[in-house]
């Protein structure tokens, strides 16, 4: 057959290397034979960004489908999907506009939806929302009877499912006649737009929860 993908080969190598490192530490072998193996190149998925015209059509369609506030908040902050869907109203100060990102939601086959802390310290952060967005969220808050900012329409006291919102995203993009992109590309759209409009790299890096502004600079060199 085709064999394993480049990504899977790299993941298998990482696991083997870690196990062999432990064997070296326990004096079971002298050297780690996994060091120096020739690996397939690491290829990142191509970044796609919505244009200004696509953004307008996208948000108009999102409003028609009752997901305007969710996607507007995403395009204003660049949160990861799990971070966005894990937001509770207690995380947002509606007076100051401070939004605390302290958790993420994800799904497993065994346990369903789970809530956990973000993977890195830099992902735990506070971002400041602009006043126009804050006014929209205040009005939106009046119609929500849940501790979750974006509650599930199917399960009481549960956040939206990440898989469900991915499906909704693709439908909204299709109806708005925009190119099909991943949810993560909305994060790229935020960062690219912010940098092109004069926001400094360090601020964008902090909002994205990156560990290093240099990583943000390398990722968004095009902007």
Protein backbone atom coordinates (compact mmCIF):
# COMPACT_ATOMS: atom_id res chain seq x y z
CA UNK A 1 0.00 0.00 0.00
CA UNK A 2 0.93 3.65 0.38
CA UNK A 3 2.71 3.15 3.69
CA UNK A 4 2.53 5.57 6.61
CA UNK A 5 2.25 9.31 6.23
CA UNK A 6 5.28 11.50 6.88
CA UNK A 7 3.64 12.80 10.06
CA UNK A 8 3.01 9.28 11.40
CA UNK A 9 6.61 8.25 10.66
CA UNK A 10 7.88 11.26 12.61
CA UNK A 11 5.55 10.48 15.52
CA UNK A 12 6.66 6.82 15.63
CA UNK A 13 10.29 7.93 15.59
CA UNK A 14 9.68 10.35 18.46
CA UNK A 15 8.16 7.60 20.60
CA UNK A 16 10.97 5.16 19.82
CA UNK A 17 13.62 7.79 20.48
CA UNK A 18 12.06 8.64 23.86
CA UNK A 19 11.98 4.95 24.87
CA UNK A 20 15.59 4.43 23.78
CA UNK A 21 16.65 7.57 25.68
CA UNK A 22 15.23 5.95 28.80
CA UNK A 23 17.14 2.75 28.01
CA UNK A 24 20.39 4.76 27.81
CA UNK A 25 19.66 6.39 31.18
CA UNK A 26 19.10 2.96 32.73
CA UNK A 27 22.38 1.66 31.22
CA UNK A 28 20.59 -0.96 29.15
CA UNK A 29 22.24 0.30 25.96
CA UNK A 30 25.21 2.60 25.38
CA UNK A 31 23.83 4.91 22.73
CA UNK A 32 20.47 5.76 21.26
CA UNK A 33 20.31 4.28 17.74
CA UNK A 34 17.33 6.49 16.87
CA UNK A 35 19.52 9.61 16.96
CA UNK A 36 20.58 10.55 13.45
CA UNK A 37 17.85 8.65 11.63
CA UNK A 38 16.87 10.28 8.37
CA UNK A 39 13.29 11.48 8.73
CA UNK A 40 10.78 12.71 6.17
CA UNK A 41 10.63 16.53 6.14
CA UNK A 42 8.15 18.28 8.40
CA UNK A 43 5.55 19.90 6.22
CA UNK A 44 3.12 22.30 7.82
CA UNK A 45 -0.36 22.57 6.34
CA UNK A 46 -0.68 25.54 4.04
CA UNK A 47 -2.11 28.59 5.79
CA UNK A 48 -5.27 30.07 4.29
CA UNK A 49 -6.60 33.50 5.18
CA UNK A 50 -9.97 35.06 4.37
CA UNK A 51 -9.85 38.28 2.36
CA UNK A 52 -11.63 41.44 3.52
CA UNK A 53 -14.50 40.75 1.12
CA UNK A 54 -14.77 37.14 2.27
CA UNK A 55 -14.76 38.26 5.91
CA UNK A 56 -17.73 40.55 5.25
CA UNK A 57 -19.71 37.81 3.51
CA UNK A 58 -18.73 35.28 6.16
CA UNK A 59 -19.90 37.42 9.10
CA UNK A 60 -23.17 38.35 7.34
CA UNK A 61 -23.87 34.64 6.84
CA UNK A 62 -22.79 33.81 10.40
CA UNK A 63 -25.35 36.36 11.66
CA UNK A 64 -28.07 34.79 9.54
CA UNK A 65 -27.18 31.38 11.02
CA UNK A 66 -27.07 32.69 14.65
CA UNK A 67 -23.31 32.21 15.07
CA UNK A 68 -22.27 35.83 14.61
CA UNK A 69 -20.98 36.46 18.16
CA UNK A 70 -18.95 33.24 18.24
CA UNK A 71 -17.13 33.87 14.98
CA UNK A 72 -16.75 37.60 15.58
CA UNK A 73 -15.05 36.88 18.91
CA UNK A 74 -12.79 34.35 17.18
CA UNK A 75 -11.81 36.82 14.45
CA UNK A 76 -11.10 39.50 17.07
CA UNK A 77 -8.94 37.37 19.39
CA UNK A 78 -7.54 34.42 17.42
CA UNK A 79 -8.37 31.92 20.18
CA UNK A 80 -7.89 28.23 19.56
CA UNK A 81 -11.16 26.40 18.93
CA UNK A 82 -11.04 24.52 22.25
CA UNK A 83 -10.27 27.75 24.14
CA UNK A 84 -13.15 29.61 22.50
CA UNK A 85 -15.75 26.92 23.20
CA UNK A 86 -14.60 26.50 26.83
CA UNK A 87 -15.32 30.15 27.67
CA UNK A 88 -17.75 30.84 30.50
CA UNK A 89 -19.33 34.18 31.36
CA UNK A 90 -17.26 34.31 34.55
CA UNK A 91 -14.18 34.52 32.30
CA UNK A 92 -15.30 37.85 30.85
CA UNK A 93 -15.43 41.16 32.72
CA UNK A 94 -18.18 42.99 30.84
CA UNK A 95 -17.08 46.31 32.32
CA UNK A 96 -13.34 46.26 31.61
CA UNK A 97 -13.40 43.94 28.58
CA UNK A 98 -10.79 41.58 30.10
CA UNK A 99 -11.22 38.00 28.89
CA UNK A 100 -9.38 35.23 30.75
CA UNK A 101 -8.37 32.10 28.86
CA UNK A 102 -7.75 29.35 31.41
CA UNK A 103 -9.22 26.17 29.92
CA UNK A 104 -10.00 24.26 26.75
CA UNK A 105 -12.65 21.79 25.66
CA UNK A 106 -11.88 18.68 23.61
CA UNK A 107 -13.53 15.38 22.73
CA UNK A 108 -12.37 11.80 23.25
CA UNK A 109 -14.07 8.65 21.96
CA UNK A 110 -14.21 7.14 25.44
CA UNK A 111 -15.33 10.06 27.59
CA UNK A 112 -16.94 12.53 25.21
CA UNK A 113 -16.41 16.25 25.94
CA UNK A 114 -13.74 17.07 28.52
CA UNK A 115 -12.46 20.33 29.98
CA UNK A 116 -8.79 20.78 30.87
CA UNK A 117 -6.15 23.45 31.33
CA UNK A 118 -4.34 24.62 28.18
CA UNK A 119 -1.21 22.64 27.33
CA UNK A 120 1.32 25.42 27.97
CA UNK A 121 1.72 28.24 30.51
CA UNK A 122 1.75 30.85 27.75
CA UNK A 123 -1.71 29.66 26.67
CA UNK A 124 -3.15 30.80 30.02
CA UNK A 125 -3.59 34.51 29.36
CA UNK A 126 -5.83 37.56 29.49
CA UNK A 127 -6.84 39.51 26.40
CA UNK A 128 -8.62 42.86 26.21
CA UNK A 129 -11.67 43.08 23.97
CA UNK A 130 -12.43 46.27 22.03
CA UNK A 131 -15.49 48.27 23.10
CA UNK A 132 -17.59 47.59 19.95
CA UNK A 133 -17.22 43.83 20.48
CA UNK A 134 -17.94 44.21 24.19
CA UNK A 135 -21.21 46.01 23.41
CA UNK A 136 -22.24 43.17 21.09
CA UNK A 137 -21.44 40.53 23.74
CA UNK A 138 -23.40 42.44 26.41
CA UNK A 139 -26.49 42.34 24.20
CA UNK A 140 -25.85 38.68 23.33
CA UNK A 141 -25.49 37.83 27.05
CA UNK A 142 -29.11 38.85 27.70
CA UNK A 143 -30.39 35.99 25.54
CA UNK A 144 -28.16 33.26 26.99
CA UNK A 145 -29.34 31.27 30.00
CA UNK A 146 -26.17 29.28 30.63
CA UNK A 147 -22.82 29.63 32.37
CA UNK A 148 -21.19 28.78 29.01
CA UNK A 149 -20.69 31.64 26.59
CA UNK A 150 -21.54 29.36 23.67
CA UNK A 151 -23.73 26.58 25.08
CA UNK A 152 -24.79 23.44 23.26
CA UNK A 153 -28.31 23.65 21.76
CA UNK A 154 -28.76 19.93 22.49
CA UNK A 155 -27.34 19.31 25.99
CA UNK A 156 -28.17 21.37 29.03
CA UNK A 157 -25.17 22.93 30.79
CA UNK A 158 -22.70 21.79 28.14
CA UNK A 159 -20.48 23.79 25.77
CA UNK A 160 -20.67 23.47 22.01
CA UNK A 161 -18.96 20.39 20.60
CA UNK A 162 -15.76 21.25 18.63
CA UNK A 163 -16.79 18.80 15.89
CA UNK A 164 -20.23 20.43 15.62
CA UNK A 165 -18.80 23.92 15.22
CA UNK A 166 -16.39 22.67 12.56
CA UNK A 167 -19.38 21.44 10.55
CA UNK A 168 -21.20 24.75 11.05
CA UNK A 169 -18.10 26.64 9.88
CA UNK A 170 -17.99 24.74 6.59
CA UNK A 171 -21.69 25.32 5.97
CA UNK A 172 -21.40 29.06 6.64
CA UNK A 173 -18.35 29.31 4.35
CA UNK A 174 -20.23 27.46 1.61
CA UNK A 175 -23.34 29.63 1.87
CA UNK A 176 -21.21 32.81 1.99
CA UNK A 177 -19.36 31.68 -1.16
CA UNK A 178 -15.99 31.76 0.63
CA UNK A 179 -13.15 29.28 0.17
CA UNK A 180 -13.23 26.31 2.53
CA UNK A 181 -10.74 26.76 5.38
CA UNK A 182 -10.07 25.09 8.73
CA UNK A 183 -11.17 26.65 12.01
CA UNK A 184 -7.47 27.17 12.76
CA UNK A 185 -7.27 29.36 9.65
CA UNK A 186 -9.63 31.84 11.34
CA UNK A 187 -6.85 32.21 13.93
CA UNK A 188 -4.42 32.83 11.07
CA UNK A 189 -6.85 35.35 9.59
CA UNK A 190 -6.96 37.27 12.88
CA UNK A 191 -3.16 37.36 13.22
CA UNK A 192 -2.55 38.35 9.61
CA UNK A 193 -5.19 41.09 9.69
CA UNK A 194 -3.91 42.46 13.02
CA UNK A 195 -0.30 42.65 11.80
CA UNK A 196 -1.29 44.21 8.49
CA UNK A 197 -3.20 46.88 10.42
CA UNK A 198 -0.24 47.88 12.57
CA UNK A 199 -0.59 45.77 15.74
CA UNK A 200 2.92 44.96 16.98
CA UNK A 201 4.19 41.38 16.89
CA UNK A 202 4.60 41.09 20.67
CA UNK A 203 0.95 42.02 21.29
CA UNK A 204 -0.30 39.58 18.65
CA UNK A 205 1.96 36.85 20.06
CA UNK A 206 0.58 37.44 23.56
CA UNK A 207 -3.03 37.32 22.33
CA UNK A 208 -2.39 34.08 20.44
CA UNK A 209 -0.77 32.49 23.49
CA UNK A 210 2.52 31.80 21.71
CA UNK A 211 5.53 31.04 23.91
CA UNK A 212 7.79 33.36 21.92
CA UNK A 213 7.24 36.44 19.75
CA UNK A 214 9.96 35.11 17.43
CA UNK A 215 7.72 32.12 16.63
CA UNK A 216 4.88 34.51 15.73
CA UNK A 217 7.23 36.54 13.53
CA UNK A 218 8.42 33.44 11.68
CA UNK A 219 4.88 32.13 11.22
CA UNK A 220 3.51 35.41 9.86
CA UNK A 221 6.46 36.68 7.86
CA UNK A 222 4.11 37.15 4.88
CA UNK A 223 2.21 39.83 6.86
